[in-house]
C-alpha atoms as a PDB file:
ATOM      1  CA  MET A   1       0.000   0.000   0.000  1.00  0.00           C
ATOM      2  CA  VAL A   2       2.817   2.344   0.917  1.00  0.00           C
ATOM      3  CA  LEU A   3       4.658   1.353  -2.163  1.00  0.00           C
ATOM      4  CA  GLN A   4       1.742   2.133  -4.364  1.00  0.00           C
ATOM      5  CA  TYR A   5       1.232   5.521  -2.694  1.00  0.00           C
ATOM      6  CA  GLY A   6       4.902   6.369  -3.102  1.00  0.00           C
ATOM      7  CA  SER A   7       4.984   5.398  -6.748  1.00  0.00           C
ATOM      8  CA  GLY A   8       1.869   7.482  -7.433  1.00  0.00           C
ATOM      9  CA  LEU A   9       3.408  10.494  -5.748  1.00  0.00           C
ATOM     10  CA  LEU A  10       6.548  10.065  -7.782  1.00  0.00           C
ATOM     11  CA  ILE A  11       4.592  10.024 -11.031  1.00  0.00           C
ATOM     12  CA  PHE A  12       2.616  13.151  -9.996  1.00  0.00           C
ATOM     13  CA  CYS A  13       5.781  15.052  -9.161  1.00  0.00           C
ATOM     14  CA  SER A  14       7.416  14.050 -12.416  1.00  0.00           C
ATOM     15  CA  ILE A  15       4.467  15.557 -14.272  1.00  0.00           C
ATOM     16  CA  VAL A  16       3.884  18.734 -12.250  1.00  0.00           C
ATOM     17  CA  ILE A  17       7.449  19.851 -11.595  1.00  0.00           C
ATOM     18  CA  PRO A  18       8.593  19.986 -15.230  1.00  0.00           C
ATOM     19  CA  LEU A  19       5.467  21.870 -16.199  1.00  0.00           C
ATOM     20  CA  SER A  20       5.924  24.435 -13.450  1.00  0.00           C
ATOM     21  CA  ALA A  21       9.558  24.816 -14.386  1.00  0.00           C
ATOM     22  CA  GLU A  22       8.734  25.610 -18.016  1.00  0.00           C
ATOM     23  CA  PRO A  23       9.262  29.406 -18.560  1.00  0.00           C
ATOM     24  CA  VAL A  24       6.147  31.425 -19.446  1.00  0.00           C
ATOM     25  CA  ARG A  25       6.370  33.305 -22.719  1.00  0.00           C
ATOM     26  CA  ASP A  26       4.000  36.082 -23.853  1.00  0.00           C
ATOM     27  CA  SER A  27       2.541  35.801 -27.328  1.00  0.00           C
ATOM     28  CA  LEU A  28       3.783  38.608 -29.610  1.00  0.00           C
ATOM     29  CA  TYR A  29       1.296  40.229 -32.059  1.00  0.00           C
ATOM     30  CA  GLU A  30       2.504  42.489 -34.844  1.00  0.00           C
ATOM     31  CA  VAL A  31       0.376  45.630 -35.279  1.00  0.00           C
ATOM     32  CA  ARG A  32      -0.264  46.142 -38.953  1.00  0.00           C
ATOM     33  CA  SER A  33      -1.823  49.287 -40.433  1.00  0.00           C
ATOM     34  CA  PRO A  34      -3.156  49.661 -43.979  1.00  0.00           C
ATOM     35  CA  GLY A  35      -0.933  51.613 -46.296  1.00  0.00           C
ATOM     36  CA  ASN A  36      -1.798  54.941 -47.877  1.00  0.00           C
ATOM     37  CA  ILE A  37      -2.430  53.326 -51.247  1.00  0.00           C
ATOM     38  CA  PHE A  38      -4.914  50.941 -49.673  1.00  0.00           C
ATOM     39  CA  ILE A  39      -6.738  53.779 -47.891  1.00  0.00           C
ATOM     40  CA  GLU A  40      -6.876  56.019 -50.955  1.00  0.00           C
ATOM     41  CA  LYS A  41      -8.290  53.153 -52.981  1.00  0.00           C
ATOM     42  CA  PHE A  42     -11.306  52.881 -50.706  1.00  0.00           C
ATOM     43  CA  ARG A  43     -11.677  56.650 -50.401  1.00  0.00           C
ATOM     44  CA  SER A  44     -12.114  56.865 -54.149  1.00  0.00           C
ATOM     45  CA  GLU A  45     -14.953  54.356 -54.062  1.00  0.00           C
ATOM     46  CA  PRO A  46     -18.373  56.126 -54.096  1.00  0.00           C
ATOM     47  CA  ALA A  47     -19.825  53.401 -51.873  1.00  0.00           C
ATOM     48  CA  PHE A  48     -17.458  54.421 -49.068  1.00  0.00           C
ATOM     49  CA  ASP A  49     -17.928  58.184 -49.488  1.00  0.00           C
ATOM     50  CA  TYR A  50     -20.059  59.377 -46.568  1.00  0.00           C
ATOM     51  CA  THR A  51     -19.421  63.087 -47.057  1.00  0.00           C
ATOM     52  CA  GLU A  52     -22.665  65.092 -46.966  1.00  0.00           C
ATOM     53  CA  VAL A  53     -22.759  67.407 -49.950  1.00  0.00           C
ATOM     54  CA  VAL A  54     -24.757  70.618 -49.424  1.00  0.00           C
ATOM     55  CA  GLU A  55     -26.014  72.016 -52.685  1.00  0.00           C
ATOM     56  CA  GLU A  56     -25.564  75.796 -52.589  1.00  0.00           C
ATOM     57  CA  ASN A  57     -28.200  76.734 -55.167  1.00  0.00           C
ATOM     58  CA  ALA A  58     -30.691  73.959 -54.501  1.00  0.00           C
ATOM     59  CA  TRP A  59     -33.680  76.143 -55.326  1.00  0.00           C
ATOM     60  CA  ARG A  60     -32.136  77.191 -58.633  1.00  0.00           C
ATOM     61  CA  ALA A  61     -31.343  73.585 -59.537  1.00  0.00           C
ATOM     62  CA  ARG A  62     -34.896  72.502 -58.713  1.00  0.00           C
ATOM     63  CA  PHE A  63     -36.308  75.350 -60.748  1.00  0.00           C
ATOM     64  CA  ILE A  64     -34.112  74.454 -63.729  1.00  0.00           C
ATOM     65  CA  ARG A  65     -35.214  70.820 -63.496  1.00  0.00           C
ATOM     66  CA  TRP A  66     -38.855  71.898 -63.327  1.00  0.00           C
ATOM     67  CA  LEU A  67     -38.412  74.207 -66.315  1.00  0.00           C
ATOM     68  CA  SER A  68     -36.562  71.471 -68.175  1.00  0.00           C
ATOM     69  CA  ASP A  69     -39.478  69.102 -67.670  1.00  0.00           C
ATOM     70  CA  LEU A  70     -41.852  71.841 -68.761  1.00  0.00           C
ATOM     71  CA  LEU A  71     -39.871  72.302 -71.979  1.00  0.00           C
ATOM     72  CA  GLY A  72     -40.145  68.643 -72.820  1.00  0.00           C
ATOM     73  CA  GLY A  73     -36.963  67.345 -71.229  1.00  0.00           C
ATOM     74  CA  ALA A  74     -34.498  69.923 -72.527  1.00  0.00           C
ATOM     75  CA  SER A  75     -30.945  69.694 -71.248  1.00  0.00           C
ATOM     76  CA  ALA A  76     -29.889  71.590 -68.147  1.00  0.00           C
ATOM     77  CA  GLU A  77     -27.575  73.850 -70.168  1.00  0.00           C
ATOM     78  CA  THR A  78     -30.328  74.775 -72.631  1.00  0.00           C
ATOM     79  CA  THR A  79     -32.761  75.433 -69.805  1.00  0.00           C
ATOM     80  CA  ALA A  80     -30.207  77.622 -67.990  1.00  0.00           C
ATOM     81  CA  ASP A  81     -29.631  79.649 -71.180  1.00  0.00           C
ATOM     82  CA  ILE A  82     -33.371  80.184 -71.620  1.00  0.00           C
ATOM     83  CA  LEU A  83     -33.706  81.188 -67.971  1.00  0.00           C
ATOM     84  CA  GLY A  84     -30.878  83.709 -68.277  1.00  0.00           C
ATOM     85  CA  PHE A  85     -32.490  85.199 -71.382  1.00  0.00           C
ATOM     86  CA  LEU A  86     -35.812  85.572 -69.559  1.00  0.00           C
ATOM     87  CA  PHE A  87     -34.102  87.349 -66.654  1.00  0.00           C
ATOM     88  CA  LYS A  88     -32.505  89.806 -69.079  1.00  0.00           C
ATOM     89  CA  ILE A  89     -35.891  90.554 -70.666  1.00  0.00           C
ATOM     90  CA  ILE A  90     -37.417  91.155 -67.222  1.00  0.00           C
ATOM     91  CA  ALA A  91     -34.548  93.482 -66.239  1.00  0.00           C
ATOM     92  CA  VAL A  92     -34.914  95.532 -69.439  1.00  0.00           C
ATOM     93  CA  GLY A  93     -38.682  95.680 -68.909  1.00  0.00           C
ATOM     94  CA  CYS A  94     -38.205  97.008 -65.369  1.00  0.00           C
ATOM     95  CA  VAL A  95     -35.905  99.764 -66.655  1.00  0.00           C
ATOM     96  CA  PHE A  96     -38.408 100.886 -69.297  1.00  0.00           C
ATOM     97  CA  PHE A  97     -41.264 100.749 -66.779  1.00  0.00           C
ATOM     98  CA  ALA A  98     -39.282 102.943 -64.366  1.00  0.00           C
ATOM     99  CA  LEU A  99     -38.611 105.447 -67.166  1.00  0.00           C
ATOM    100  CA  TYR A 100     -42.312 105.449 -68.042  1.00  0.00           C
ATOM    101  CA  LEU A 101     -43.267 106.239 -64.452  1.00  0.00           C
ATOM    102  CA  MET A 102     -40.711 109.052 -64.211  1.00  0.00           C
ATOM    103  CA  ILE A 103     -41.962 110.615 -67.457  1.00  0.00           C
ATOM    104  CA  LYS A 104     -45.586 110.254 -66.384  1.00  0.00           C
ATOM    105  CA  THR A 105     -45.002 111.852 -62.997  1.00  0.00           C
ATOM    106  CA  GLY A 106     -42.914 114.652 -64.510  1.00  0.00           C
ATOM    107  CA  ILE A 107     -39.626 113.706 -62.873  1.00  0.00           C
ATOM    108  CA  ILE A 108     -37.985 113.677 -66.296  1.00  0.00           C
ATOM    109  CA  ALA A 109     -39.159 115.018 -69.645  1.00  0.00           C
ATOM    110  CA  PRO A 110     -39.635 112.890 -72.785  1.00  0.00           C
ATOM    111  CA  TRP A 111     -36.753 112.770 -75.258  1.00  0.00           C
ATOM    112  CA  GLY A 112     -36.461 115.942 -77.301  1.00  0.00           C
ATOM    113  CA  GLN A 113     -38.596 117.967 -74.899  1.00  0.00           C
ATOM    114  CA  LYS A 114     -37.619 120.248 -72.088  1.00  0.00           C
ATOM    115  CA  LYS A 115     -39.427 119.909 -68.847  1.00  0.00           C
ATOM    116  CA  LYS A 116     -41.640 122.912 -68.241  1.00  0.00           C
ATOM    117  CA  LYS A 117     -41.172 124.499 -64.882  1.00  0.00           C
ATOM    118  CA  PHE A 118     -43.729 126.703 -63.235  1.00  0.00           C
ATOM    119  CA  LYS A 119     -42.069 129.540 -61.397  1.00  0.00           C
ATOM    120  CA  ARG A 120     -43.607 129.241 -57.983  1.00  0.00           C
ATOM    121  CA  GLU A 121     -43.737 132.315 -55.857  1.00  0.00           C
ATOM    122  CA  SER A 122     -42.692 132.080 -52.242  1.00  0.00           C
ATOM    123  CA  VAL A 123     -45.479 131.244 -49.814  1.00  0.00           C
ATOM    124  CA  ASP A 124     -45.512 134.606 -48.090  1.00  0.00           C
ATOM    125  CA  THR A 125     -45.542 136.586 -51.374  1.00  0.00           C
ATOM    126  CA  LEU A 126     -48.457 134.575 -52.766  1.00  0.00           C
ATOM    127  CA  VAL A 127     -50.601 134.498 -49.646  1.00  0.00           C
ATOM    128  CA  LEU A 128     -50.195 138.194 -48.854  1.00  0.00           C
ATOM    129  CA  SER A 129     -50.710 139.330 -52.454  1.00  0.00           C
ATOM    130  CA  ASP A 130     -53.938 140.734 -53.857  1.00  0.00           C
ATOM    131  CA  SER A 131     -56.596 138.875 -55.867  1.00  0.00           C
ATOM    132  CA  ASP A 132     -55.189 140.065 -59.217  1.00  0.00           C
ATOM    133  CA  ARG A 133     -51.867 138.424 -58.437  1.00  0.00           C
ATOM    134  CA  TYR A 134     -53.666 135.232 -57.449  1.00  0.00           C
ATOM    135  CA  ARG A 135     -55.611 135.069 -60.727  1.00  0.00           C
ATOM    136  CA  LYS A 136     -52.462 135.699 -62.770  1.00  0.00           C
ATOM    137  CA  LEU A 137     -50.518 132.913 -61.085  1.00  0.00           C
ATOM    138  CA  LEU A 138     -53.457 130.533 -61.395  1.00  0.00           C
ATOM    139  CA  GLY A 139     -53.793 131.321 -65.105  1.00  0.00           C
ATOM    140  CA  GLU A 140     -50.098 130.597 -65.697  1.00  0.00           C
ATOM    141  CA  ALA A 141     -50.340 127.240 -63.942  1.00  0.00           C
ATOM    142  CA  LEU A 142     -53.435 126.179 -65.890  1.00  0.00           C
ATOM    143  CA  LYS A 143     -51.847 127.266 -69.172  1.00  0.00           C
ATOM    144  CA  MET A 144     -48.940 124.914 -68.482  1.00  0.00           C
ATOM    145  CA  ARG A 145     -51.362 122.173 -67.321  1.00  0.00           C
ATOM    146  CA  ASP A 146     -49.603 122.179 -63.978  1.00  0.00           C
ATOM    147  CA  TYR A 147     -52.657 121.181 -61.967  1.00  0.00           C
ATOM    148  CA  LYS A 148     -50.648 120.386 -58.861  1.00  0.00           C
ATOM    149  CA  SER A 149     -49.444 124.000 -58.715  1.00  0.00           C
ATOM    150  CA  ALA A 150     -53.000 125.175 -59.419  1.00  0.00           C
ATOM    151  CA  VAL A 151     -54.273 123.330 -56.335  1.00  0.00           C
ATOM    152  CA  ARG A 152     -51.446 124.830 -54.310  1.00  0.00           C
ATOM    153  CA  ILE A 153     -52.373 128.354 -55.460  1.00  0.00           C
ATOM    154  CA  HIS A 154     -56.047 127.739 -54.609  1.00  0.00           C
ATOM    155  CA  TYR A 155     -55.141 126.629 -51.101  1.00  0.00           C
ATOM    156  CA  LEU A 156     -52.786 129.532 -50.475  1.00  0.00           C
ATOM    157  CA  ASN A 157     -55.470 131.927 -51.666  1.00  0.00           C
ATOM    158  CA  VAL A 158     -57.822 130.392 -49.101  1.00  0.00           C
ATOM    159  CA  LEU A 159     -55.243 131.131 -46.405  1.00  0.00           C
ATOM    160  CA  TYR A 160     -54.956 134.680 -47.716  1.00  0.00           C
ATOM    161  CA  LEU A 161     -58.742 135.177 -47.503  1.00  0.00           C
ATOM    162  CA  LEU A 162     -58.969 133.684 -44.007  1.00  0.00           C
ATOM    163  CA  ASN A 163     -56.190 135.968 -42.862  1.00  0.00           C
ATOM    164  CA  GLU A 164     -57.908 139.000 -44.425  1.00  0.00           C
ATOM    165  CA  LYS A 165     -61.146 138.111 -42.626  1.00  0.00           C
ATOM    166  CA  GLU A 166     -59.161 137.666 -39.395  1.00  0.00           C
ATOM    167  CA  LEU A 167     -60.369 134.078 -39.068  1.00  0.00           C
ATOM    168  CA  ILE A 168     -56.757 132.954 -38.767  1.00  0.00           C
ATOM    169  CA  HIS A 169     -53.467 134.702 -38.110  1.00  0.00           C
ATOM    170  CA  TRP A 170     -51.189 133.685 -40.934  1.00  0.00           C
ATOM    171  CA  ASP A 171     -47.552 132.971 -40.175  1.00  0.00           C
ATOM    172  CA  ILE A 172     -44.935 131.356 -42.375  1.00  0.00           C
ATOM    173  CA  TYR A 173     -43.904 128.986 -39.561  1.00  0.00           C
ATOM    174  CA  LYS A 174     -47.413 127.732 -38.824  1.00  0.00           C
ATOM    175  CA  THR A 175     -48.637 124.358 -40.083  1.00  0.00           C
ATOM    176  CA  ASN A 176     -51.994 123.482 -41.589  1.00  0.00           C
ATOM    177  CA  ALA A 177     -52.883 121.704 -38.346  1.00  0.00           C
ATOM    178  CA  SER A 178     -52.366 124.994 -36.514  1.00  0.00           C
ATOM    179  CA  TYR A 179     -54.804 126.749 -38.834  1.00  0.00           C
ATOM    180  CA  ILE A 180     -57.359 123.952 -38.401  1.00  0.00           C
ATOM    181  CA  ARG A 181     -57.298 124.456 -34.622  1.00  0.00           C
ATOM    182  CA  GLU A 182     -57.422 128.224 -35.046  1.00  0.00           C
ATOM    183  CA  ILE A 183     -60.300 128.534 -37.535  1.00  0.00           C
ATOM    184  CA  PRO A 184     -63.862 128.919 -36.153  1.00  0.00           C
ATOM    185  CA  SER A 185     -65.701 125.635 -35.602  1.00  0.00           C
ATOM    186  CA  GLU A 186     -68.414 126.284 -38.222  1.00  0.00           C
ATOM    187  CA  LYS A 187     -65.789 126.401 -40.989  1.00  0.00           C
ATOM    188  CA  ARG A 188     -63.338 123.921 -39.505  1.00  0.00           C
ATOM    189  CA  GLU A 189     -64.573 120.734 -41.197  1.00  0.00           C
ATOM    190  CA  ALA A 190     -64.666 122.276 -44.680  1.00  0.00           C
ATOM    191  CA  PHE A 191     -61.185 123.728 -44.221  1.00  0.00           C
ATOM    192  CA  ARG A 192     -59.925 120.393 -42.887  1.00  0.00           C
ATOM    193  CA  ASN A 193     -61.089 118.707 -46.111  1.00  0.00           C
ATOM    194  CA  LEU A 194     -59.339 121.325 -48.255  1.00  0.00           C
ATOM    195  CA  SER A 195     -56.149 120.843 -46.234  1.00  0.00           C
ATOM    196  CA  TYR A 196     -56.357 117.096 -46.800  1.00  0.00           C
ATOM    197  CA  VAL A 197     -56.709 117.584 -50.568  1.00  0.00           C
ATOM    198  CA  PHE A 198     -53.784 120.007 -50.575  1.00  0.00           C
ATOM    199  CA  ASP A 199     -51.525 117.589 -48.668  1.00  0.00           C
ATOM    200  CA  CYS A 200     -52.396 114.645 -50.925  1.00  0.00           C
ATOM    201  CA  VAL A 201     -51.861 116.544 -54.173  1.00  0.00           C
ATOM    202  CA  CYS A 202     -48.810 118.626 -53.286  1.00  0.00           C
ATOM    203  CA  TYR A 203     -46.958 116.358 -50.874  1.00  0.00           C
ATOM    204  CA  GLY A 204     -48.336 112.901 -51.578  1.00  0.00           C
ATOM    205  CA  ASN A 205     -48.092 110.634 -54.600  1.00  0.00           C
ATOM    206  CA  PHE A 206     -51.555 111.564 -55.816  1.00  0.00           C
ATOM    207  CA  GLU A 207     -51.937 111.950 -59.565  1.00  0.00           C
ATOM    208  CA  ILE A 208     -54.139 114.830 -60.696  1.00  0.00           C
ATOM    209  CA  ASP A 209     -55.267 115.501 -64.256  1.00  0.00           C
ATOM    210  CA  GLU A 210     -57.612 118.093 -65.738  1.00  0.00           C
ATOM    211  CA  GLU A 211     -60.761 116.168 -64.860  1.00  0.00           C
ATOM    212  CA  VAL A 212     -59.746 115.665 -61.238  1.00  0.00           C
ATOM    213  CA  TYR A 213     -58.686 119.306 -60.978  1.00  0.00           C
ATOM    214  CA  ARG A 214     -62.081 120.546 -62.202  1.00  0.00           C
ATOM    215  CA  LYS A 215     -63.856 118.504 -59.540  1.00  0.00           C
ATOM    216  CA  THR A 216     -61.445 119.649 -56.850  1.00  0.00           C
ATOM    217  CA  ARG A 217     -61.625 123.314 -57.859  1.00  0.00           C
ATOM    218  CA  HIS A 218     -65.322 123.525 -56.925  1.00  0.00           C
ATOM    219  CA  TYR A 219     -64.533 122.777 -53.278  1.00  0.00           C
ATOM    220  CA  PHE A 220     -62.084 125.673 -53.126  1.00  0.00           C
ATOM    221  CA  LEU A 221     -64.420 128.091 -54.936  1.00  0.00           C
ATOM    222  CA  ASP A 222     -67.351 127.172 -52.684  1.00  0.00           C
ATOM    223  CA  PHE A 223     -65.252 127.716 -49.578  1.00  0.00           C
ATOM    224  CA  GLU A 224     -63.999 131.071 -50.895  1.00  0.00           C
ATOM    225  CA  LYS A 225     -67.611 132.190 -51.382  1.00  0.00           C
ATOM    226  CA  GLU A 226     -68.458 131.001 -47.884  1.00  0.00           C
ATOM    227  CA  VAL A 227     -65.609 133.022 -46.431  1.00  0.00           C
ATOM    228  CA  GLY A 228     -66.786 136.050 -48.403  1.00  0.00           C
ATOM    229  CA  ALA A 229     -64.374 136.476 -51.263  1.00  0.00           C
END
C-alpha cells in the first residue's frame, strides 16, 4: 500500500514539476496598419464616401429641373440659357417701366422735350398778395397744365382770404394743423377737407389731371364764397 502511494506520488511530481519549471512566454502580435495606397483606394470608391454634400443653389437647380421638364426634357444647359435670357428681358422691362413712371409723374421730360417748370412764388408773397396776383398765377399754372401747382395756389389763396377776414393769423412757420385748430368751428370741417386735398396733391403721390382738378376746384371756390371772397 505504501509502495503504491509512493509510486503514485513520484509520477505526480514528475508531471507537475517539469510543467511548473517551463518558462512562461508572452505571445507577440505584430500591429499592422493599412498603407496609404490601400486607404486612398477605398476613399475613391463612391460606396465608401459618406461626405454630406450641401447644394448651394438647390432652389435654382430645382427650378431648372422643373423648367426642363416643362420644356419637354431639354438639357440643363439649354434650360439655364433660356432662364438667363428671360431674366434679361425682365430686367430691361423694369428699366423701361421705371422710365415710363418718371416721365408720367414729370420727374424727367420725354426725349427731345424740355421739362416745363412753373415759377412758384414764395409762400408769403403769394398768400399776402392781392386777388389780381392770385388770378395771374393761377392762369399761368393752368396754361402749363400744372394742376398740382393750381391746387397749391387755390389753397394759399384760401389762407390769404382767411387771414384778411381775421379768421386765422397767418404765419410762415405755422402748419396746416395749426390753422385747423385756429379757424372757427363752423368752418373747420370744410377747411380740414381742403387741407387734406392740398396735402395729398402737393406732398403725396396723388396723380391729378384736368378732370380731377375741375372737380377739386369747386370745393375751393365754394369755400372762398363762404368766407366772403
